[in-house]
Amino acid sequence: WLEILVSIVLGTPGSHFSGIVRLCLLVGPLSAIVNNTPVTAMMVPVLRGWCSRMGFDVAKFGIPLAFSAQLGGGLTLMGSPTNFAARKTYLKSGFQLGFFELTVVAAPLFFLGVIFFAIVAPRMLGGKTSAPTFRRAISAEERDGFFRIGFKISRGAFARGNLKVDKAGFERMVGVGGVKIA
């Protein structure tokens, strides 16, 4: 269910920039309400599958994933164990640290981090520079109890020969029984 939800939220961005922005805007707020370490751990395999389907180099998304989870963890008291330690220290000093008190400082830093990752990560990490672009399905039919979909791929990872069908991640898709190139 997580992979389906993430695929819907991340969609099909046309560039690494928009993909990283979408990823950070998903992971950051999520790690503000759930501890950032489990968020990162559960997103790694989902991110791998999504990058494979999109033709993106996963290396360009790993560090933005981890750092946006860390920055998102600073948005609330609950997001990071460090925040609880800081709260305990504040209480000893006679100050109260509320659930959203960190948000005032952390939110601008989070958004600056998202912009930084989106600009710098594609240039410094990994090797691929663009996502494949897909045309609309050109045929769909049901025959012998199977639903078949045909589509053309114009310019992109497959067309350039950078991505092979056996490495595209189709076998991880539920219900996909075979992939044929015509």
Protein backbone atom coordinates (compact mmCIF):
# COMPACT_ATOMS: atom_id res chain seq x y z
CA TRP A 1 0.00 0.00 0.00
CA LEU A 2 2.90 2.34 0.76
CA GLU A 3 4.38 1.91 -2.71
CA ILE A 4 1.02 2.70 -4.34
CA LEU A 5 0.52 5.80 -2.18
CA VAL A 6 4.04 7.06 -2.81
CA SER A 7 3.73 6.44 -6.56
CA ILE A 8 0.53 8.48 -6.63
CA VAL A 9 2.05 11.35 -4.62
CA LEU A 10 5.36 11.39 -6.52
CA GLY A 11 3.63 10.95 -9.89
CA THR A 12 5.71 11.06 -13.06
CA PRO A 13 7.99 14.07 -12.86
CA GLY A 14 9.81 15.07 -16.02
CA SER A 15 13.10 15.92 -14.33
CA HIS A 16 15.21 15.13 -11.32
CA PHE A 17 14.51 18.62 -9.96
CA SER A 18 10.75 18.10 -9.74
CA GLY A 19 11.21 14.51 -8.54
CA ILE A 20 13.44 15.60 -5.67
CA VAL A 21 11.08 18.43 -4.71
CA ARG A 22 8.13 16.01 -4.66
CA LEU A 23 10.10 13.46 -2.65
CA CYS A 24 11.22 16.02 -0.08
CA LEU A 25 7.72 17.49 0.28
CA LEU A 26 6.42 13.97 0.97
CA VAL A 27 9.16 12.76 3.32
CA GLY A 28 9.72 15.95 5.33
CA PRO A 29 6.20 16.41 6.70
CA LEU A 30 5.86 12.65 7.20
CA SER A 31 9.00 12.58 9.34
CA ALA A 32 7.67 15.51 11.35
CA ILE A 33 4.97 13.25 12.80
CA VAL A 34 6.81 9.90 12.62
CA ASN A 35 10.40 9.45 13.75
CA ASN A 36 12.71 10.27 10.82
CA THR A 37 14.80 7.07 10.97
CA PRO A 38 11.91 4.65 10.27
CA VAL A 39 10.59 6.99 7.57
CA THR A 40 13.93 6.82 5.77
CA ALA A 41 14.20 3.06 6.23
CA MET A 42 10.73 2.33 4.84
CA MET A 43 11.14 4.74 1.93
CA VAL A 44 14.40 3.26 0.58
CA PRO A 45 12.87 0.20 -1.16
CA VAL A 46 9.88 2.24 -2.33
CA LEU A 47 12.21 4.89 -3.75
CA ARG A 48 14.28 2.22 -5.51
CA GLY A 49 11.21 0.81 -7.25
CA TRP A 50 9.88 4.24 -8.19
CA CYS A 51 13.24 5.35 -9.62
CA SER A 52 13.47 2.11 -11.59
CA ARG A 53 10.02 2.64 -13.11
CA MET A 54 10.76 6.30 -13.91
CA GLY A 55 14.21 5.62 -15.35
CA PHE A 56 15.87 7.80 -12.72
CA ASP A 57 19.22 7.10 -11.13
CA VAL A 58 18.38 6.25 -7.50
CA ALA A 59 21.75 7.70 -6.42
CA LYS A 60 20.38 11.20 -7.08
CA PHE A 61 17.51 10.64 -4.63
CA GLY A 62 19.11 8.79 -1.70
CA ILE A 63 20.81 11.72 0.00
CA PRO A 64 17.86 14.11 -0.53
CA LEU A 65 15.62 11.40 1.00
CA ALA A 66 17.76 11.03 4.12
CA PHE A 67 18.42 14.75 4.58
CA SER A 68 14.81 15.82 4.01
CA ALA A 69 13.74 13.23 6.60
CA GLN A 70 16.28 14.70 9.00
CA LEU A 71 15.17 18.28 8.31
CA GLY A 72 11.52 17.23 8.51
CA GLY A 73 12.24 15.59 11.86
CA GLY A 74 13.16 19.01 13.18
CA LEU A 75 9.74 20.44 12.35
CA THR A 76 8.08 19.07 15.49
CA LEU A 77 9.01 17.73 18.89
CA MET A 78 8.06 14.20 17.83
CA GLY A 79 10.14 14.05 14.64
CA SER A 80 13.54 13.26 16.12
CA PRO A 81 14.87 11.73 19.33
CA THR A 82 17.21 14.71 19.64
CA ASN A 83 14.20 16.97 20.03
CA PHE A 84 13.05 15.00 23.08
CA ALA A 85 16.51 15.35 24.63
CA ALA A 86 16.38 19.10 23.99
CA ARG A 87 12.94 19.24 25.61
CA LYS A 88 14.26 17.55 28.75
CA THR A 89 17.11 20.06 28.95
CA TYR A 90 14.69 22.96 28.49
CA LEU A 91 12.45 21.61 31.25
CA LYS A 92 15.40 21.52 33.66
CA SER A 93 16.03 25.17 32.82
CA GLY A 94 12.44 26.07 33.56
CA PHE A 95 11.30 26.50 29.93
CA GLN A 96 8.51 24.64 28.22
CA LEU A 97 9.08 23.31 24.68
CA GLY A 98 5.76 22.69 22.90
CA PHE A 99 5.02 20.33 20.02
CA PHE A 100 5.24 22.97 17.25
CA GLU A 101 7.74 25.38 18.87
CA LEU A 102 10.56 24.14 16.63
CA THR A 103 8.49 24.64 13.47
CA VAL A 104 9.06 28.41 13.40
CA VAL A 105 12.80 27.93 12.92
CA ALA A 106 12.81 24.52 11.20
CA ALA A 107 10.27 25.22 8.42
CA PRO A 108 12.34 27.87 6.59
CA LEU A 109 15.42 25.66 6.94
CA PHE A 110 13.48 22.71 5.56
CA PHE A 111 12.35 24.65 2.47
CA LEU A 112 15.85 26.01 1.89
CA GLY A 113 17.12 22.44 2.12
CA VAL A 114 14.55 21.22 -0.42
CA ILE A 115 15.61 23.90 -2.91
CA PHE A 116 19.29 23.14 -2.29
CA PHE A 117 18.80 19.38 -2.81
CA ALA A 118 16.74 19.88 -5.95
CA ILE A 119 19.40 22.10 -7.52
CA VAL A 120 22.61 20.46 -6.30
CA ALA A 121 21.82 16.73 -6.08
CA PRO A 122 21.21 16.14 -9.81
CA ARG A 123 24.52 17.81 -10.63
CA MET A 124 26.65 16.14 -7.96
CA LEU A 125 25.17 12.66 -7.59
CA GLY A 126 24.67 9.75 -10.00
CA GLY A 127 24.91 9.78 -13.76
CA LYS A 128 21.56 10.08 -15.57
CA THR A 129 20.09 13.49 -16.28
CA SER A 130 16.55 13.02 -17.53
CA ALA A 131 13.53 10.82 -17.08
CA PRO A 132 11.99 8.85 -19.91
CA THR A 133 8.93 10.41 -21.46
CA PHE A 134 6.04 8.11 -22.26
CA ARG A 135 3.25 8.62 -24.75
CA ARG A 136 -0.30 7.62 -23.93
CA ALA A 137 -1.19 3.93 -24.27
CA ILE A 138 -1.84 3.17 -27.92
CA SER A 139 -3.76 -0.05 -27.41
CA ALA A 140 -5.56 -1.88 -24.64
CA GLU A 141 -7.52 -5.09 -24.93
CA GLU A 142 -8.70 -8.09 -22.98
CA ARG A 143 -8.06 -11.45 -24.58
CA ASP A 144 -8.11 -14.94 -23.06
CA GLY A 145 -8.68 -13.50 -19.58
CA PHE A 146 -5.62 -11.25 -19.83
CA PHE A 147 -5.56 -7.49 -20.13
CA ARG A 148 -2.92 -6.32 -22.58
CA ILE A 149 -1.60 -2.79 -22.88
CA GLY A 150 0.68 -1.55 -25.61
CA PHE A 151 2.50 1.74 -25.58
CA LYS A 152 5.31 3.53 -27.34
CA ILE A 153 8.21 5.11 -25.58
CA SER A 154 9.58 8.21 -27.20
CA ARG A 155 12.93 9.57 -26.09
CA GLY A 156 14.00 8.35 -22.72
CA ALA A 157 15.95 5.71 -20.90
CA PHE A 158 14.71 2.78 -23.01
CA ALA A 159 15.12 4.61 -26.31
CA ARG A 160 18.71 5.60 -25.51
CA GLY A 161 19.54 2.03 -24.51
CA ASN A 162 20.35 3.02 -20.91
CA LEU A 163 17.60 0.89 -19.39
CA LYS A 164 16.99 -2.73 -20.33
CA VAL A 165 13.56 -4.35 -20.01
CA ASP A 166 14.81 -6.94 -17.50
CA LYS A 167 16.09 -4.11 -15.27
CA ALA A 168 12.99 -1.89 -15.59
CA GLY A 169 11.20 -3.25 -12.54
CA PHE A 170 8.20 -4.75 -14.37
CA GLU A 171 8.53 -7.99 -12.40
CA ARG A 172 7.79 -6.05 -9.20
CA MET A 173 4.49 -4.82 -10.55
CA VAL A 174 1.56 -6.83 -9.20
CA GLY A 175 -0.18 -8.81 -11.93
CA VAL A 176 2.39 -8.26 -14.68
CA GLY A 177 2.89 -11.65 -16.26
CA GLY A 178 5.23 -10.82 -19.08
CA VAL A 179 6.82 -8.00 -20.98
CA LYS A 180 7.37 -8.19 -24.71
CA ILE A 181 9.08 -5.76 -27.03
CA ALA A 182 7.62 -5.65 -30.51
